[in-house]
Amino acid sequence: MERNVIYFPDYGEQNTDAVISCVSRRLDEGDLSTVVVATSTGKTAFLFAEQLGQRPGLRLIAVGNPPGSTYERITAENRLKLAAKGVVIVDYAPYGCASLQGDAHANMHGALDLLVVFADILRMMGGQGLKVAIEVGLMATNVGVLAPGERVIAVGGTATGADTAIVMKTAYSLDIFHKEPDRRPELLEFLCTPLPKKWW
């Protein structure tokens, strides 16, 4: 099997339209119908809804920031616009890499949390956009919007907008390191990603 992967010369929101086009082409293949999009204010998810929303059978899921986050929230106006487009909103769900929620990684035993390592490995492989894309797939699964084992397109970005799209197998965050491989999430395909990798 051959499939093209789009590489962007830099990370950031300037890639958003190209990511939408990349996702649209992958949806054209007909074997996937769910797109999970990271969105802080709802703006990025609405761009996806506007450009992909006419597809029959499309399930678009917008994942906002977790509780306690200092980042922006999905605005009331964008909630209404997303709802009018039939977008499912997942908001205030804890991070998929839960160790990054507040100071949860600074545990009383001073022990290394494997989810911190997991998040940084994702950044090393694909930058912040890859970490976010996989994380929103986990978050939507954790709250029951997605079932474990689904194949979905997941979209993430670096600070704002979108710069990464992948196909992944969903799972619960608790099963990232499960002893049974079938329970774990999987990165199945890169669709588009920036060449420079942003680490926080």
Protein backbone atom coordinates (compact mmCIF):
# COMPACT_ATOMS: atom_id res chain seq x y z
CA MET A 1 0.00 0.00 0.00
CA GLU A 2 1.20 3.50 -0.79
CA ARG A 3 -0.15 6.69 0.73
CA ASN A 4 1.15 10.24 0.64
CA VAL A 5 2.12 12.03 3.85
CA ILE A 6 2.18 15.84 3.76
CA TYR A 7 5.11 17.49 5.58
CA PHE A 8 4.78 21.16 6.52
CA PRO A 9 7.90 23.38 6.64
CA ASP A 10 6.87 24.74 10.04
CA TYR A 11 4.38 24.04 12.82
CA GLY A 12 1.43 26.30 13.62
CA GLU A 13 -2.03 27.48 12.67
CA GLN A 14 -1.03 28.57 9.15
CA ASN A 15 -1.32 24.87 8.25
CA THR A 16 -4.98 24.54 9.29
CA ASP A 17 -6.53 24.75 5.80
CA ALA A 18 -4.00 22.27 4.43
CA VAL A 19 -4.78 19.87 7.31
CA ILE A 20 -8.51 20.10 6.50
CA SER A 21 -7.76 19.27 2.86
CA CYS A 22 -5.58 16.35 3.95
CA VAL A 23 -8.35 15.01 6.20
CA SER A 24 -10.90 15.44 3.43
CA ARG A 25 -8.80 13.37 1.02
CA ARG A 26 -8.46 10.59 3.59
CA LEU A 27 -12.22 10.60 4.20
CA ASP A 28 -12.70 10.23 0.44
CA GLU A 29 -11.28 6.71 0.73
CA GLY A 30 -14.51 5.74 2.46
CA ASP A 31 -13.30 3.53 5.31
CA LEU A 32 -13.33 6.22 8.02
CA SER A 33 -16.16 8.50 9.14
CA THR A 34 -15.06 10.01 12.48
CA VAL A 35 -12.84 13.07 12.92
CA VAL A 36 -11.72 14.24 16.37
CA VAL A 37 -10.41 17.82 16.47
CA ALA A 38 -8.60 19.62 19.27
CA THR A 39 -10.03 23.10 19.76
CA SER A 40 -9.57 25.69 22.49
CA THR A 41 -12.13 28.33 21.53
CA GLY A 42 -14.08 26.23 19.02
CA LYS A 43 -12.70 28.16 16.04
CA THR A 44 -10.64 25.31 14.60
CA ALA A 45 -13.45 22.78 15.02
CA PHE A 46 -15.86 25.14 13.29
CA LEU A 47 -13.50 25.47 10.31
CA PHE A 48 -13.54 21.68 10.00
CA ALA A 49 -17.34 21.62 10.35
CA GLU A 50 -17.76 24.25 7.65
CA GLN A 51 -15.55 22.50 5.14
CA LEU A 52 -16.36 18.85 5.92
CA GLY A 53 -19.87 19.12 7.33
CA GLN A 54 -21.77 18.20 4.18
CA ARG A 55 -20.34 14.68 4.09
CA PRO A 56 -23.03 12.05 4.75
CA GLY A 57 -22.31 9.98 7.84
CA LEU A 58 -19.51 12.20 9.10
CA ARG A 59 -19.12 12.28 12.88
CA LEU A 60 -17.15 15.35 13.97
CA ILE A 61 -16.04 15.63 17.59
CA ALA A 62 -14.57 18.84 19.05
CA VAL A 63 -12.41 18.35 22.15
CA GLY A 64 -11.80 21.39 24.34
CA ASN A 65 -9.46 22.00 27.25
CA PRO A 66 -9.55 20.11 30.55
CA PRO A 67 -10.73 21.36 33.95
CA GLY A 68 -8.24 23.59 35.68
CA SER A 69 -6.66 24.60 32.38
CA THR A 70 -5.43 28.18 31.96
CA TYR A 71 -6.04 27.96 28.20
CA GLU A 72 -9.06 29.47 26.49
CA ARG A 73 -12.42 27.71 26.52
CA ILE A 74 -14.93 27.04 23.76
CA THR A 75 -16.94 30.25 23.56
CA ALA A 76 -20.71 30.36 23.97
CA GLU A 77 -21.05 31.63 20.40
CA ASN A 78 -18.93 28.82 19.00
CA ARG A 79 -20.84 26.23 21.03
CA LEU A 80 -24.03 27.31 19.30
CA LYS A 81 -22.36 27.31 15.88
CA LEU A 82 -20.87 23.85 16.44
CA ALA A 83 -24.16 22.46 17.73
CA ALA A 84 -25.95 23.81 14.66
CA LYS A 85 -23.49 21.82 12.53
CA GLY A 86 -24.12 18.65 14.51
CA VAL A 87 -20.67 18.63 16.11
CA VAL A 88 -20.29 16.65 19.35
CA ILE A 89 -18.48 18.74 21.98
CA VAL A 90 -16.22 17.16 24.59
CA ASP A 91 -15.22 19.81 27.10
CA TYR A 92 -13.70 19.78 30.58
CA ALA A 93 -12.47 16.19 30.13
CA PRO A 94 -9.15 15.54 31.90
CA TYR A 95 -6.08 15.38 29.69
CA GLY A 96 -5.53 12.05 27.97
CA CYS A 97 -2.01 12.10 29.37
CA ALA A 98 -3.38 12.75 32.83
CA SER A 99 0.01 13.35 34.40
CA LEU A 100 0.07 16.70 32.62
CA GLN A 101 -3.07 17.87 34.43
CA GLY A 102 -1.89 20.58 36.79
CA ASP A 103 0.75 19.24 39.18
CA ALA A 104 -0.40 15.62 39.09
CA HIS A 105 3.09 14.58 37.97
CA ALA A 106 4.57 16.01 41.21
CA ASN A 107 3.38 13.07 43.27
CA MET A 108 4.08 12.56 46.97
CA HIS A 109 6.57 9.74 46.29
CA GLY A 110 8.63 11.72 43.81
CA ALA A 111 8.22 8.82 41.39
CA LEU A 112 8.45 9.15 37.63
CA ASP A 113 5.01 9.03 36.01
CA LEU A 114 5.12 7.00 32.79
CA LEU A 115 2.53 9.28 31.18
CA VAL A 116 5.02 12.16 31.34
CA VAL A 117 7.44 10.01 29.37
CA PHE A 118 4.68 8.94 26.97
CA ALA A 119 3.76 12.57 26.20
CA ASP A 120 7.37 13.55 25.54
CA ILE A 121 7.95 10.54 23.29
CA LEU A 122 4.96 11.67 21.21
CA ARG A 123 6.46 15.17 21.00
CA MET A 124 9.81 13.69 19.95
CA MET A 125 8.18 11.70 17.14
CA GLY A 126 5.72 14.29 15.86
CA GLY A 127 5.89 17.44 17.95
CA GLN A 128 3.15 19.00 20.04
CA GLY A 129 0.57 18.42 17.29
CA LEU A 130 1.00 14.64 17.45
CA LYS A 131 0.78 14.65 21.25
CA VAL A 132 -2.44 16.67 21.08
CA ALA A 133 -3.97 14.55 18.29
CA ILE A 134 -3.50 11.30 20.19
CA GLU A 135 -4.56 12.94 23.44
CA VAL A 136 -7.91 14.18 22.11
CA GLY A 137 -8.62 10.69 20.78
CA LEU A 138 -7.97 9.34 24.27
CA MET A 139 -10.07 12.08 25.92
CA ALA A 140 -13.08 11.41 23.71
CA THR A 141 -12.77 7.71 24.54
CA ASN A 142 -12.36 8.31 28.27
CA VAL A 143 -15.71 10.13 28.44
CA GLY A 144 -17.56 7.55 26.32
CA VAL A 145 -18.06 9.55 23.12
CA LEU A 146 -15.82 7.05 21.31
CA ALA A 147 -15.55 3.33 22.01
CA PRO A 148 -12.14 1.75 22.55
CA GLY A 149 -10.80 0.15 19.38
CA GLU A 150 -12.40 2.58 16.90
CA ARG A 151 -10.35 3.80 13.94
CA VAL A 152 -10.63 7.58 13.71
CA ILE A 153 -8.87 10.59 12.26
CA ALA A 154 -7.45 12.74 15.07
CA VAL A 155 -6.26 16.31 14.58
CA GLY A 156 -3.98 18.37 16.81
CA GLY A 157 -2.03 21.57 16.66
CA THR A 158 0.76 23.56 18.24
CA ALA A 159 -0.79 26.25 20.46
CA THR A 160 -3.48 27.34 17.93
CA GLY A 161 -5.01 25.93 14.79
CA ALA A 162 -4.14 22.52 13.34
CA ASP A 163 -0.87 21.18 11.96
CA THR A 164 -1.12 17.40 12.45
CA ALA A 165 -3.58 14.72 11.38
CA ILE A 166 -3.31 11.00 12.01
CA VAL A 167 -5.38 7.86 11.93
CA MET A 168 -5.40 6.15 15.32
CA LYS A 169 -7.03 3.28 17.15
CA THR A 170 -8.80 4.63 20.21
CA ALA A 171 -8.34 3.41 23.77
CA TYR A 172 -8.77 4.50 27.35
CA SER A 173 -5.84 6.45 28.80
CA LEU A 174 -5.57 3.85 31.55
CA ASP A 175 -4.82 1.23 28.89
CA ILE A 176 -1.86 2.99 27.23
CA PHE A 177 0.53 0.48 28.81
CA HIS A 178 -1.93 -2.40 29.22
CA LYS A 179 -0.39 -5.88 29.22
CA GLU A 180 -2.88 -6.89 26.52
CA PRO A 181 -1.79 -5.21 23.24
CA ASP A 182 -5.36 -5.09 21.90
CA ARG A 183 -6.31 -2.72 24.71
CA ARG A 184 -3.63 -0.14 23.87
CA PRO A 185 -4.04 2.86 21.54
CA GLU A 186 -2.22 2.73 18.22
CA LEU A 187 -0.91 5.31 15.79
CA LEU A 188 -1.98 3.77 12.48
CA GLU A 189 -1.17 6.44 9.88
CA PHE A 190 0.43 9.86 9.60
CA LEU A 191 -1.62 12.02 7.23
CA CYS A 192 0.20 15.33 7.67
CA THR A 193 2.71 16.70 10.14
CA PRO A 194 5.22 19.55 10.47
CA LEU A 195 8.90 18.73 9.91
CA PRO A 196 10.15 20.88 12.84
CA LYS A 197 9.11 19.40 16.18
CA LYS A 198 7.91 21.74 18.90
CA TRP A 199 8.71 20.69 22.47
CA TRP A 200 7.32 22.44 25.51
